[in-house]
Amino acid sequence: ASAMRWYRQAPGKQRELVATSSGGRTYYADSVKGRFTISRDNAKKTV
């Protein structure tokens, strides 16, 4: 029932959203589209 997200923070920069997995859908920052993939294993409770 949880939305799972990955963020990143580079030195001297604000934390930014990278990818989201929620409600069976995925969303990506433009900077990582086509290169990064978010997935989840609900049985293992792992993203």
ModelCIF file with pLDDT and N, C-alpha, C, O atoms, coordinates in Angstrom:
data_MODEL
#
_entry.id   MODEL 
#
_entity.id                         1 
_entity.type                       polymer 
_entity.pdbx_number_of_molecules   1 
#
_entity_poly.entity_id                      1 
_entity_poly.type                           'polypeptide(L)' 
_entity_poly.nstd_linkage                   no 
_entity_poly.nstd_monomer                   no 
_entity_poly.pdbx_seq_one_letter_code       ASAMRWYRQAPGKQRELVATSSGGRTYYADSVKGRFTISRDNAKKTV 
_entity_poly.pdbx_seq_one_letter_code_can   ASAMRWYRQAPGKQRELVATSSGGRTYYADSVKGRFTISRDNAKKTV 
_entity_poly.pdbx_strand_id                 A 
#
loop_
_entity_poly_seq.entity_id 
_entity_poly_seq.num 
_entity_poly_seq.mon_id 
_entity_poly_seq.hetero 
1 1  ALA n 
1 2  SER n 
1 3  ALA n 
1 4  MET n 
1 5  ARG n 
1 6  TRP n 
1 7  TYR n 
1 8  ARG n 
1 9  GLN n 
1 10 ALA n 
1 11 PRO n 
1 12 GLY n 
1 13 LYS n 
1 14 GLN n 
1 15 ARG n 
1 16 GLU n 
1 17 LEU n 
1 18 VAL n 
1 19 ALA n 
1 20 THR n 
1 21 SER n 
1 22 SER n 
1 23 GLY n 
1 24 GLY n 
1 25 ARG n 
1 26 THR n 
1 27 TYR n 
1 28 TYR n 
1 29 ALA n 
1 30 ASP n 
1 31 SER n 
1 32 VAL n 
1 33 LYS n 
1 34 GLY n 
1 35 ARG n 
1 36 PHE n 
1 37 THR n 
1 38 ILE n 
1 39 SER n 
1 40 ARG n 
1 41 ASP n 
1 42 ASN n 
1 43 ALA n 
1 44 LYS n 
1 45 LYS n 
1 46 THR n 
1 47 VAL n 
#
_struct_asym.id          A 
_struct_asym.entity_id   1 
#
loop_
_ma_qa_metric.id 
_ma_qa_metric.mode 
_ma_qa_metric.name 
_ma_qa_metric.software_group_id 
_ma_qa_metric.type 
1 global pLDDT . pLDDT 
2 local  pLDDT . pLDDT 
#
_ma_qa_metric_global.metric_id      1 
_ma_qa_metric_global.metric_value   96.17 
_ma_qa_metric_global.model_id       1 
_ma_qa_metric_global.ordinal_id     1 
#
loop_
_ma_qa_metric_local.label_asym_id 
_ma_qa_metric_local.label_comp_id 
_ma_qa_metric_local.label_seq_id 
_ma_qa_metric_local.metric_id 
_ma_qa_metric_local.metric_value 
_ma_qa_metric_local.model_id 
_ma_qa_metric_local.ordinal_id 
A ALA 1  2 86.00 1 1  
A SER 2  2 92.00 1 2  
A ALA 3  2 96.00 1 3  
A MET 4  2 97.00 1 4  
A ARG 5  2 98.00 1 5  
A TRP 6  2 98.00 1 6  
A TYR 7  2 98.00 1 7  
A ARG 8  2 98.00 1 8  
A GLN 9  2 98.00 1 9  
A ALA 10 2 96.00 1 10 
A PRO 11 2 91.00 1 11 
A GLY 12 2 94.00 1 12 
A LYS 13 2 96.00 1 13 
A GLN 14 2 97.00 1 14 
A ARG 15 2 97.00 1 15 
A GLU 16 2 97.00 1 16 
A LEU 17 2 98.00 1 17 
A VAL 18 2 98.00 1 18 
A ALA 19 2 98.00 1 19 
A THR 20 2 98.00 1 20 
A SER 21 2 97.00 1 21 
A SER 22 2 94.00 1 22 
A GLY 23 2 90.00 1 23 
A GLY 24 2 91.00 1 24 
A ARG 25 2 96.00 1 25 
A THR 26 2 97.00 1 26 
A TYR 27 2 97.00 1 27 
A TYR 28 2 98.00 1 28 
A ALA 29 2 98.00 1 29 
A ASP 30 2 97.00 1 30 
A SER 31 2 97.00 1 31 
A VAL 32 2 98.00 1 32 
A LYS 33 2 98.00 1 33 
A GLY 34 2 97.00 1 34 
A ARG 35 2 98.00 1 35 
A PHE 36 2 98.00 1 36 
A THR 37 2 98.00 1 37 
A ILE 38 2 98.00 1 38 
A SER 39 2 97.00 1 39 
A ARG 40 2 96.00 1 40 
A ASP 41 2 95.00 1 41 
A ASN 42 2 93.00 1 42 
A ALA 43 2 95.00 1 43 
A LYS 44 2 96.00 1 44 
A LYS 45 2 96.00 1 45 
A THR 46 2 97.00 1 46 
A VAL 47 2 97.00 1 47 
#
loop_
_atom_site.group_PDB 
_atom_site.id 
_atom_site.type_symbol 
_atom_site.label_atom_id 
_atom_site.label_alt_id 
_atom_site.label_comp_id 
_atom_site.label_asym_id 
_atom_site.label_entity_id 
_atom_site.label_seq_id 
_atom_site.pdbx_PDB_ins_code 
_atom_site.Cartn_x 
_atom_site.Cartn_y 
_atom_site.Cartn_z 
_atom_site.occupancy 
_atom_site.B_iso_or_equiv 
_atom_site.pdbx_formal_charge 
_atom_site.auth_seq_id 
_atom_site.auth_comp_id 
_atom_site.auth_asym_id 
_atom_site.auth_atom_id 
_atom_site.pdbx_PDB_model_num 
ATOM 1   N N  . ALA A 1 1  ? 0.814  -1.218  0.000   1.00 86.00 ? 1  ALA A N  1 
ATOM 2   C CA . ALA A 1 1  ? 0.000  0.000   0.000   1.00 86.00 ? 1  ALA A CA 1 
ATOM 3   C C  . ALA A 1 1  ? 0.845  1.265   0.000   1.00 86.00 ? 1  ALA A C  1 
ATOM 4   O O  . ALA A 1 1  ? 0.318  2.374   0.087   1.00 86.00 ? 1  ALA A O  1 
ATOM 5   N N  . SER A 1 2  ? 2.145  1.095   -0.097  1.00 92.00 ? 2  SER A N  1 
ATOM 6   C CA . SER A 1 2  ? 3.051  2.235   0.001   1.00 92.00 ? 2  SER A CA 1 
ATOM 7   C C  . SER A 1 2  ? 3.593  2.637   -1.359  1.00 92.00 ? 2  SER A C  1 
ATOM 8   O O  . SER A 1 2  ? 3.947  1.789   -2.179  1.00 92.00 ? 2  SER A O  1 
ATOM 9   N N  . ALA A 1 3  ? 3.652  3.937   -1.583  1.00 96.00 ? 3  ALA A N  1 
ATOM 10  C CA . ALA A 1 3  ? 4.388  4.447   -2.733  1.00 96.00 ? 3  ALA A CA 1 
ATOM 11  C C  . ALA A 1 3  ? 5.866  4.409   -2.384  1.00 96.00 ? 3  ALA A C  1 
ATOM 12  O O  . ALA A 1 3  ? 6.271  4.858   -1.311  1.00 96.00 ? 3  ALA A O  1 
ATOM 13  N N  . MET A 1 4  ? 6.653  3.882   -3.277  1.00 97.00 ? 4  MET A N  1 
ATOM 14  C CA . MET A 1 4  ? 8.096  3.771   -3.044  1.00 97.00 ? 4  MET A CA 1 
ATOM 15  C C  . MET A 1 4  ? 8.813  4.661   -4.033  1.00 97.00 ? 4  MET A C  1 
ATOM 16  O O  . MET A 1 4  ? 8.493  4.675   -5.221  1.00 97.00 ? 4  MET A O  1 
ATOM 17  N N  . ARG A 1 5  ? 9.783  5.402   -3.535  1.00 98.00 ? 5  ARG A N  1 
ATOM 18  C CA . ARG A 1 5  ? 10.513 6.355   -4.368  1.00 98.00 ? 5  ARG A CA 1 
ATOM 19  C C  . ARG A 1 5  ? 12.011 6.282   -4.110  1.00 98.00 ? 5  ARG A C  1 
ATOM 20  O O  . ARG A 1 5  ? 12.465 5.900   -3.031  1.00 98.00 ? 5  ARG A O  1 
ATOM 21  N N  . TRP A 1 6  ? 12.740 6.652   -5.114  1.00 98.00 ? 6  TRP A N  1 
ATOM 22  C CA . TRP A 1 6  ? 14.186 6.852   -4.988  1.00 98.00 ? 6  TRP A CA 1 
ATOM 23  C C  . TRP A 1 6  ? 14.470 8.334   -5.215  1.00 98.00 ? 6  TRP A C  1 
ATOM 24  O O  . TRP A 1 6  ? 13.999 8.930   -6.183  1.00 98.00 ? 6  TRP A O  1 
ATOM 25  N N  . TYR A 1 7  ? 15.242 8.907   -4.315  1.00 98.00 ? 7  TYR A N  1 
ATOM 26  C CA . TYR A 1 7  ? 15.734 10.264  -4.434  1.00 98.00 ? 7  TYR A CA 1 
ATOM 27  C C  . TYR A 1 7  ? 17.256 10.207  -4.492  1.00 98.00 ? 7  TYR A C  1 
ATOM 28  O O  . TYR A 1 7  ? 17.863 9.177   -4.198  1.00 98.00 ? 7  TYR A O  1 
ATOM 29  N N  . ARG A 1 8  ? 17.855 11.310  -4.871  1.00 98.00 ? 8  ARG A N  1 
ATOM 30  C CA . ARG A 1 8  ? 19.303 11.427  -4.792  1.00 98.00 ? 8  ARG A CA 1 
ATOM 31  C C  . ARG A 1 8  ? 19.682 12.854  -4.420  1.00 98.00 ? 8  ARG A C  1 
ATOM 32  O O  . ARG A 1 8  ? 18.949 13.811  -4.670  1.00 98.00 ? 8  ARG A O  1 
ATOM 33  N N  . GLN A 1 9  ? 20.852 12.953  -3.817  1.00 98.00 ? 9  GLN A N  1 
ATOM 34  C CA . GLN A 1 9  ? 21.372 14.259  -3.430  1.00 98.00 ? 9  GLN A CA 1 
ATOM 35  C C  . GLN A 1 9  ? 22.863 14.301  -3.711  1.00 98.00 ? 9  GLN A C  1 
ATOM 36  O O  . GLN A 1 9  ? 23.653 13.560  -3.126  1.00 98.00 ? 9  GLN A O  1 
ATOM 37  N N  . ALA A 1 10 ? 23.221 15.187  -4.619  1.00 96.00 ? 10 ALA A N  1 
ATOM 38  C CA . ALA A 1 10 ? 24.627 15.393  -4.950  1.00 96.00 ? 10 ALA A CA 1 
ATOM 39  C C  . ALA A 1 10 ? 25.192 16.479  -4.042  1.00 96.00 ? 10 ALA A C  1 
ATOM 40  O O  . ALA A 1 10 ? 24.435 17.296  -3.516  1.00 96.00 ? 10 ALA A O  1 
ATOM 41  N N  . PRO A 1 11 ? 26.512 16.502  -3.848  1.00 91.00 ? 11 PRO A N  1 
ATOM 42  C CA . PRO A 1 11 ? 27.130 17.515  -2.976  1.00 91.00 ? 11 PRO A CA 1 
ATOM 43  C C  . PRO A 1 11 ? 26.749 18.926  -3.417  1.00 91.00 ? 11 PRO A C  1 
ATOM 44  O O  . PRO A 1 11 ? 26.871 19.279  -4.590  1.00 91.00 ? 11 PRO A O  1 
ATOM 45  N N  . GLY A 1 12 ? 26.286 19.720  -2.461  1.00 94.00 ? 12 GLY A N  1 
ATOM 46  C CA . GLY A 1 12 ? 25.940 21.102  -2.747  1.00 94.00 ? 12 GLY A CA 1 
ATOM 47  C C  . GLY A 1 12 ? 24.636 21.308  -3.474  1.00 94.00 ? 12 GLY A C  1 
ATOM 48  O O  . GLY A 1 12 ? 24.310 22.433  -3.852  1.00 94.00 ? 12 GLY A O  1 
ATOM 49  N N  . LYS A 1 13 ? 23.876 20.240  -3.680  1.00 96.00 ? 13 LYS A N  1 
ATOM 50  C CA . LYS A 1 13 ? 22.607 20.350  -4.401  1.00 96.00 ? 13 LYS A CA 1 
ATOM 51  C C  . LYS A 1 13 ? 21.450 19.865  -3.537  1.00 96.00 ? 13 LYS A C  1 
ATOM 52  O O  . LYS A 1 13 ? 21.640 19.169  -2.540  1.00 96.00 ? 13 LYS A O  1 
ATOM 53  N N  . GLN A 1 14 ? 20.248 20.251  -3.946  1.00 97.00 ? 14 GLN A N  1 
ATOM 54  C CA . GLN A 1 14 ? 19.064 19.796  -3.228  1.00 97.00 ? 14 GLN A CA 1 
ATOM 55  C C  . GLN A 1 14 ? 18.744 18.344  -3.576  1.00 97.00 ? 14 GLN A C  1 
ATOM 56  O O  . GLN A 1 14 ? 19.115 17.843  -4.637  1.00 97.00 ? 14 GLN A O  1 
ATOM 57  N N  . ARG A 1 15 ? 18.058 17.697  -2.670  1.00 97.00 ? 15 ARG A N  1 
ATOM 58  C CA . ARG A 1 15 ? 17.624 16.334  -2.925  1.00 97.00 ? 15 ARG A CA 1 
ATOM 59  C C  . ARG A 1 15 ? 16.576 16.362  -4.041  1.00 97.00 ? 15 ARG A C  1 
ATOM 60  O O  . ARG A 1 15 ? 15.667 17.192  -4.035  1.00 97.00 ? 15 ARG A O  1 
ATOM 61  N N  . GLU A 1 16 ? 16.719 15.444  -4.994  1.00 97.00 ? 16 GLU A N  1 
ATOM 62  C CA . GLU A 1 16 ? 15.791 15.417  -6.124  1.00 97.00 ? 16 GLU A CA 1 
ATOM 63  C C  . GLU A 1 16 ? 15.163 14.042  -6.280  1.00 97.00 ? 16 GLU A C  1 
ATOM 64  O O  . GLU A 1 16 ? 15.788 13.020  -5.996  1.00 97.00 ? 16 GLU A O  1 
ATOM 65  N N  . LEU A 1 17 ? 13.921 14.034  -6.735  1.00 98.00 ? 17 LEU A N  1 
ATOM 66  C CA . LEU A 1 17 ? 13.209 12.793  -6.979  1.00 98.00 ? 17 LEU A CA 1 
ATOM 67  C C  . LEU A 1 17 ? 13.716 12.160  -8.273  1.00 98.00 ? 17 LEU A C  1 
ATOM 68  O O  . LEU A 1 17 ? 13.812 12.819  -9.308  1.00 98.00 ? 17 LEU A O  1 
ATOM 69  N N  . VAL A 1 18 ? 14.035 10.878  -8.193  1.00 98.00 ? 18 VAL A N  1 
ATOM 70  C CA . VAL A 1 18 ? 14.561 10.157  -9.350  1.00 98.00 ? 18 VAL A CA 1 
ATOM 71  C C  . VAL A 1 18 ? 13.492 9.265   -9.978  1.00 98.00 ? 18 VAL A C  1 
ATOM 72  O O  . VAL A 1 18 ? 13.285 9.290   -11.192 1.00 98.00 ? 18 VAL A O  1 
ATOM 73  N N  . ALA A 1 19 ? 12.814 8.476   -9.140  1.00 98.00 ? 19 ALA A N  1 
ATOM 74  C CA . ALA A 1 19 ? 11.850 7.525   -9.678  1.00 98.00 ? 19 ALA A CA 1 
ATOM 75  C C  . ALA A 1 19 ? 10.811 7.172   -8.620  1.00 98.00 ? 19 ALA A C  1 
ATOM 76  O O  . ALA A 1 19 ? 11.088 7.194   -7.420  1.00 98.00 ? 19 ALA A O  1 
ATOM 77  N N  . THR A 1 20 ? 9.598  6.841   -9.096  1.00 98.00 ? 20 THR A N  1 
ATOM 78  C CA . THR A 1 20 ? 8.481  6.495   -8.218  1.00 98.00 ? 20 THR A CA 1 
ATOM 79  C C  . THR A 1 20 ? 7.806  5.225   -8.707  1.00 98.00 ? 20 THR A C  1 
ATOM 80  O O  . THR A 1 20 ? 7.641  5.014   -9.909  1.00 98.00 ? 20 THR A O  1 
ATOM 81  N N  . SER A 1 21 ? 7.415  4.375   -7.749  1.00 97.00 ? 21 SER A N  1 
ATOM 82  C CA . SER A 1 21 ? 6.573  3.213   -8.044  1.00 97.00 ? 21 SER A CA 1 
ATOM 83  C C  . SER A 1 21 ? 5.345  3.320   -7.151  1.00 97.00 ? 21 SER A C  1 
ATOM 84  O O  . SER A 1 21 ? 5.444  3.247   -5.927  1.00 97.00 ? 21 SER A O  1 
ATOM 85  N N  . SER A 1 22 ? 4.182  3.494   -7.784  1.00 94.00 ? 22 SER A N  1 
ATOM 86  C CA . SER A 1 22 ? 2.967  3.697   -7.001  1.00 94.00 ? 22 SER A CA 1 
ATOM 87  C C  . SER A 1 22 ? 1.758  3.279   -7.806  1.00 94.00 ? 22 SER A C  1 
ATOM 88  O O  . SER A 1 22 ? 1.622  3.640   -8.974  1.00 94.00 ? 22 SER A O  1 
ATOM 89  N N  . GLY A 1 23 ? 0.876  2.511   -7.174  1.00 90.00 ? 23 GLY A N  1 
ATOM 90  C CA . GLY A 1 23 ? -0.357 2.125   -7.835  1.00 90.00 ? 23 GLY A CA 1 
ATOM 91  C C  . GLY A 1 23 ? -0.160 1.388   -9.134  1.00 90.00 ? 23 GLY A C  1 
ATOM 92  O O  . GLY A 1 23 ? -0.970 1.502   -10.054 1.00 90.00 ? 23 GLY A O  1 
ATOM 93  N N  . GLY A 1 24 ? 0.917  0.631   -9.210  1.00 91.00 ? 24 GLY A N  1 
ATOM 94  C CA . GLY A 1 24 ? 1.194  -0.119  -10.433 1.00 91.00 ? 24 GLY A CA 1 
ATOM 95  C C  . GLY A 1 24 ? 1.827  0.688   -11.540 1.00 91.00 ? 24 GLY A C  1 
ATOM 96  O O  . GLY A 1 24 ? 2.055  0.177   -12.636 1.00 91.00 ? 24 GLY A O  1 
ATOM 97  N N  . ARG A 1 25 ? 2.111  1.935   -11.262 1.00 96.00 ? 25 ARG A N  1 
ATOM 98  C CA . ARG A 1 25 ? 2.716  2.791   -12.272 1.00 96.00 ? 25 ARG A CA 1 
ATOM 99  C C  . ARG A 1 25 ? 4.094  3.247   -11.827 1.00 96.00 ? 25 ARG A C  1 
ATOM 100 O O  . ARG A 1 25 ? 4.428  3.219   -10.642 1.00 96.00 ? 25 ARG A O  1 
ATOM 101 N N  . THR A 1 26 ? 4.887  3.669   -12.804 1.00 97.00 ? 26 THR A N  1 
ATOM 102 C CA . THR A 1 26 ? 6.219  4.178   -12.522 1.00 97.00 ? 26 THR A CA 1 
ATOM 103 C C  . THR A 1 26 ? 6.398  5.545   -13.171 1.00 97.00 ? 26 THR A C  1 
ATOM 104 O O  . THR A 1 26 ? 5.808  5.846   -14.209 1.00 97.00 ? 26 THR A O  1 
ATOM 105 N N  . TYR A 1 27 ? 7.226  6.360   -12.530 1.00 97.00 ? 27 TYR A N  1 
ATOM 106 C CA . TYR A 1 27 ? 7.490  7.703   -13.018 1.00 97.00 ? 27 TYR A CA 1 
ATOM 107 C C  . TYR A 1 27 ? 8.975  7.973   -12.850 1.00 97.00 ? 27 TYR A C  1 
ATOM 108 O O  . TYR A 1 27 ? 9.606  7.491   -11.910 1.00 97.00 ? 27 TYR A O  1 
ATOM 109 N N  . TYR A 1 28 ? 9.524  8.751   -13.774 1.00 98.00 ? 28 TYR A N  1 
ATOM 110 C CA . TYR A 1 28 ? 10.949 9.018   -13.767 1.00 98.00 ? 28 TYR A CA 1 
ATOM 111 C C  . TYR A 1 28 ? 11.245 10.489  -14.001 1.00 98.00 ? 28 TYR A C  1 
ATOM 112 O O  . TYR A 1 28 ? 10.516 11.184  -14.708 1.00 98.00 ? 28 TYR A O  1 
ATOM 113 N N  . ALA A 1 29 ? 12.326 10.945  -13.395 1.00 98.00 ? 29 ALA A N  1 
ATOM 114 C CA . ALA A 1 29 ? 12.843 12.261  -13.732 1.00 98.00 ? 29 ALA A CA 1 
ATOM 115 C C  . ALA A 1 29 ? 13.350 12.233  -15.169 1.00 98.00 ? 29 ALA A C  1 
ATOM 116 O O  . ALA A 1 29 ? 13.841 11.211  -15.649 1.00 98.00 ? 29 ALA A O  1 
ATOM 117 N N  . ASP A 1 30 ? 13.225 13.361  -15.840 1.00 97.00 ? 30 ASP A N  1 
ATOM 118 C CA . ASP A 1 30 ? 13.661 13.424  -17.237 1.00 97.00 ? 30 ASP A CA 1 
ATOM 119 C C  . ASP A 1 30 ? 15.131 13.038  -17.390 1.00 97.00 ? 30 ASP A C  1 
ATOM 120 O O  . ASP A 1 30 ? 15.528 12.451  -18.397 1.00 97.00 ? 30 ASP A O  1 
ATOM 121 N N  . SER A 1 31 ? 15.924 13.372  -16.389 1.00 97.00 ? 31 SER A N  1 
ATOM 122 C CA . SER A 1 31 ? 17.363 13.139  -16.475 1.00 97.00 ? 31 SER A CA 1 
ATOM 123 C C  . SER A 1 31 ? 17.736 11.658  -16.468 1.00 97.00 ? 31 SER A C  1 
ATOM 124 O O  . SER A 1 31 ? 18.854 11.302  -16.840 1.00 97.00 ? 31 SER A O  1 
ATOM 125 N N  . VAL A 1 32 ? 16.814 10.794  -16.051 1.00 98.00 ? 32 VAL A N  1 
ATOM 126 C CA . VAL A 1 32 ? 17.145 9.356   -15.964 1.00 98.00 ? 32 VAL A CA 1 
ATOM 127 C C  . VAL A 1 32 ? 16.251 8.490   -16.844 1.00 98.00 ? 32 VAL A C  1 
ATOM 128 O O  . VAL A 1 32 ? 16.448 7.276   -16.909 1.00 98.00 ? 32 VAL A O  1 
ATOM 129 N N  . LYS A 1 33 ? 15.281 9.082   -17.516 1.00 98.00 ? 33 LYS A N  1 
ATOM 130 C CA . LYS A 1 33 ? 14.378 8.308   -18.372 1.00 98.00 ? 33 LYS A CA 1 
ATOM 131 C C  . LYS A 1 33 ? 15.155 7.537   -19.425 1.00 98.00 ? 33 LYS A C  1 
ATOM 132 O O  . LYS A 1 33 ? 16.050 8.076   -20.076 1.00 98.00 ? 33 LYS A O  1 
ATOM 133 N N  . GLY A 1 34 ? 14.802 6.273   -19.583 1.00 97.00 ? 34 GLY A N  1 
ATOM 134 C CA . GLY A 1 34 ? 15.467 5.428   -20.559 1.00 97.00 ? 34 GLY A CA 1 
ATOM 135 C C  . GLY A 1 34 ? 16.751 4.792   -20.045 1.00 97.00 ? 34 GLY A C  1 
ATOM 136 O O  . GLY A 1 34 ? 17.310 3.912   -20.700 1.00 97.00 ? 34 GLY A O  1 
ATOM 137 N N  . ARG A 1 35 ? 17.223 5.227   -18.884 1.00 98.00 ? 35 ARG A N  1 
ATOM 138 C CA . ARG A 1 35 ? 18.461 4.658   -18.311 1.00 98.00 ? 35 ARG A CA 1 
ATOM 139 C C  . ARG A 1 35 ? 18.206 3.938   -16.992 1.00 98.00 ? 35 ARG A C  1 
ATOM 140 O O  . ARG A 1 35 ? 18.851 2.931   -16.700 1.00 98.00 ? 35 ARG A O  1 
ATOM 141 N N  . PHE A 1 36 ? 17.277 4.442   -16.201 1.00 98.00 ? 36 PHE A N  1 
ATOM 142 C CA . PHE A 1 36 ? 16.982 3.865   -14.885 1.00 98.00 ? 36 PHE A CA 1 
ATOM 143 C C  . PHE A 1 36 ? 15.623 3.171   -14.923 1.00 98.00 ? 36 PHE A C  1 
ATOM 144 O O  . PHE A 1 36 ? 14.716 3.587   -15.643 1.00 98.00 ? 36 PHE A O  1 
ATOM 145 N N  . THR A 1 37 ? 15.505 2.108   -14.136 1.00 98.00 ? 37 THR A N  1 
ATOM 146 C CA . THR A 1 37 ? 14.239 1.397   -14.015 1.00 98.00 ? 37 THR A CA 1 
ATOM 147 C C  . THR A 1 37 ? 13.968 1.093   -12.550 1.00 98.00 ? 37 THR A C  1 
ATOM 148 O O  . THR A 1 37 ? 14.797 0.497   -11.862 1.00 98.00 ? 37 THR A O  1 
ATOM 149 N N  . ILE A 1 38 ? 12.791 1.511   -12.081 1.00 98.00 ? 38 ILE A N  1 
ATOM 150 C CA . ILE A 1 38 ? 12.383 1.176   -10.723 1.00 98.00 ? 38 ILE A CA 1 
ATOM 151 C C  . ILE A 1 38 ? 11.461 -0.037  -10.779 1.00 98.00 ? 38 ILE A C  1 
ATOM 152 O O  . ILE A 1 38 ? 10.597 -0.133  -11.651 1.00 98.00 ? 38 ILE A O  1 
ATOM 153 N N  . SER A 1 39 ? 11.652 -0.955  -9.844  1.00 97.00 ? 39 SER A N  1 
ATOM 154 C CA . SER A 1 39 ? 10.790 -2.127  -9.770  1.00 97.00 ? 39 SER A CA 1 
ATOM 155 C C  . SER A 1 39 ? 10.640 -2.525  -8.311  1.00 97.00 ? 39 SER A C  1 
ATOM 156 O O  . SER A 1 39 ? 11.391 -2.069  -7.449  1.00 97.00 ? 39 SER A O  1 
ATOM 157 N N  . ARG A 1 40 ? 9.674  -3.370  -8.049  1.00 96.00 ? 40 ARG A N  1 
ATOM 158 C CA . ARG A 1 40 ? 9.442  -3.772  -6.662  1.00 96.00 ? 40 ARG A CA 1 
ATOM 159 C C  . ARG A 1 40 ? 9.051  -5.244  -6.607  1.00 96.00 ? 40 ARG A C  1 
ATOM 160 O O  . ARG A 1 40 ? 8.395  -5.767  -7.508  1.00 96.00 ? 40 ARG A O  1 
ATOM 161 N N  . ASP A 1 41 ? 9.466  -5.891  -5.537  1.00 95.00 ? 41 ASP A N  1 
ATOM 162 C CA . ASP A 1 41 ? 9.089  -7.267  -5.249  1.00 95.00 ? 41 ASP A CA 1 
ATOM 163 C C  . ASP A 1 41 ? 8.284  -7.211  -3.962  1.00 95.00 ? 41 ASP A C  1 
ATOM 164 O O  . ASP A 1 41 ? 8.846  -7.097  -2.872  1.00 95.00 ? 41 ASP A O  1 
ATOM 165 N N  . ASN A 1 42 ? 6.963  -7.291  -4.093  1.00 93.00 ? 42 ASN A N  1 
ATOM 166 C CA . ASN A 1 42 ? 6.114  -7.137  -2.919  1.00 93.00 ? 42 ASN A CA 1 
ATOM 167 C C  . ASN A 1 42 ? 6.284  -8.293  -1.933  1.00 93.00 ? 42 ASN A C  1 
ATOM 168 O O  . ASN A 1 42 ? 6.122  -8.105  -0.727  1.00 93.00 ? 42 ASN A O  1 
ATOM 169 N N  . ALA A 1 43 ? 6.600  -9.450  -2.421  1.00 95.00 ? 43 ALA A N  1 
ATOM 170 C CA . ALA A 1 43 ? 6.802  -10.597 -1.523  1.00 95.00 ? 43 ALA A CA 1 
ATOM 171 C C  . ALA A 1 43 ? 8.032  -10.394 -0.646  1.00 95.00 ? 43 ALA A C  1 
ATOM 172 O O  . ALA A 1 43 ? 8.061  -10.816 0.510   1.00 95.00 ? 43 ALA A O  1 
ATOM 173 N N  . LYS A 1 44 ? 9.044  -9.745  -1.208  1.00 96.00 ? 44 LYS A N  1 
ATOM 174 C CA . LYS A 1 44 ? 10.272 -9.491  -0.447  1.00 96.00 ? 44 LYS A CA 1 
ATOM 175 C C  . LYS A 1 44 ? 10.273 -8.114  0.202   1.00 96.00 ? 44 LYS A C  1 
ATOM 176 O O  . LYS A 1 44 ? 11.210 -7.762  0.919   1.00 96.00 ? 44 LYS A O  1 
ATOM 177 N N  . LYS A 1 45 ? 9.222  -7.333  -0.048  1.00 96.00 ? 45 LYS A N  1 
ATOM 178 C CA . LYS A 1 45 ? 9.146  -5.968  0.478   1.00 96.00 ? 45 LYS A CA 1 
ATOM 179 C C  . LYS A 1 45 ? 10.405 -5.181  0.111   1.00 96.00 ? 45 LYS A C  1 
ATOM 180 O O  . LYS A 1 45 ? 11.017 -4.516  0.946   1.00 96.00 ? 45 LYS A O  1 
ATOM 181 N N  . THR A 1 46 ? 10.760 -5.281  -1.143  1.00 97.00 ? 46 THR A N  1 
ATOM 182 C CA . THR A 1 46 ? 11.984 -4.654  -1.621  1.00 97.00 ? 46 THR A CA 1 
ATOM 183 C C  . THR A 1 46 ? 11.705 -3.883  -2.901  1.00 97.00 ? 46 THR A C  1 
ATOM 184 O O  . THR A 1 46 ? 10.985 -4.349  -3.784  1.00 97.00 ? 46 THR A O  1 
ATOM 185 N N  . VAL A 1 47 ? 12.290 -2.693  -2.982  1.00 97.00 ? 47 VAL A N  1 
ATOM 186 C CA . VAL A 1 47 ? 12.226 -1.906  -4.203  1.00 97.00 ? 47 VAL A CA 1 
ATOM 187 C C  . VAL A 1 47 ? 13.637 -1.783  -4.758  1.00 97.00 ? 47 VAL A C  1 
ATOM 188 O O  . VAL A 1 47 ? 13.839 -1.156  -5.798  1.00 97.00 ? 47 VAL A O  1 
#
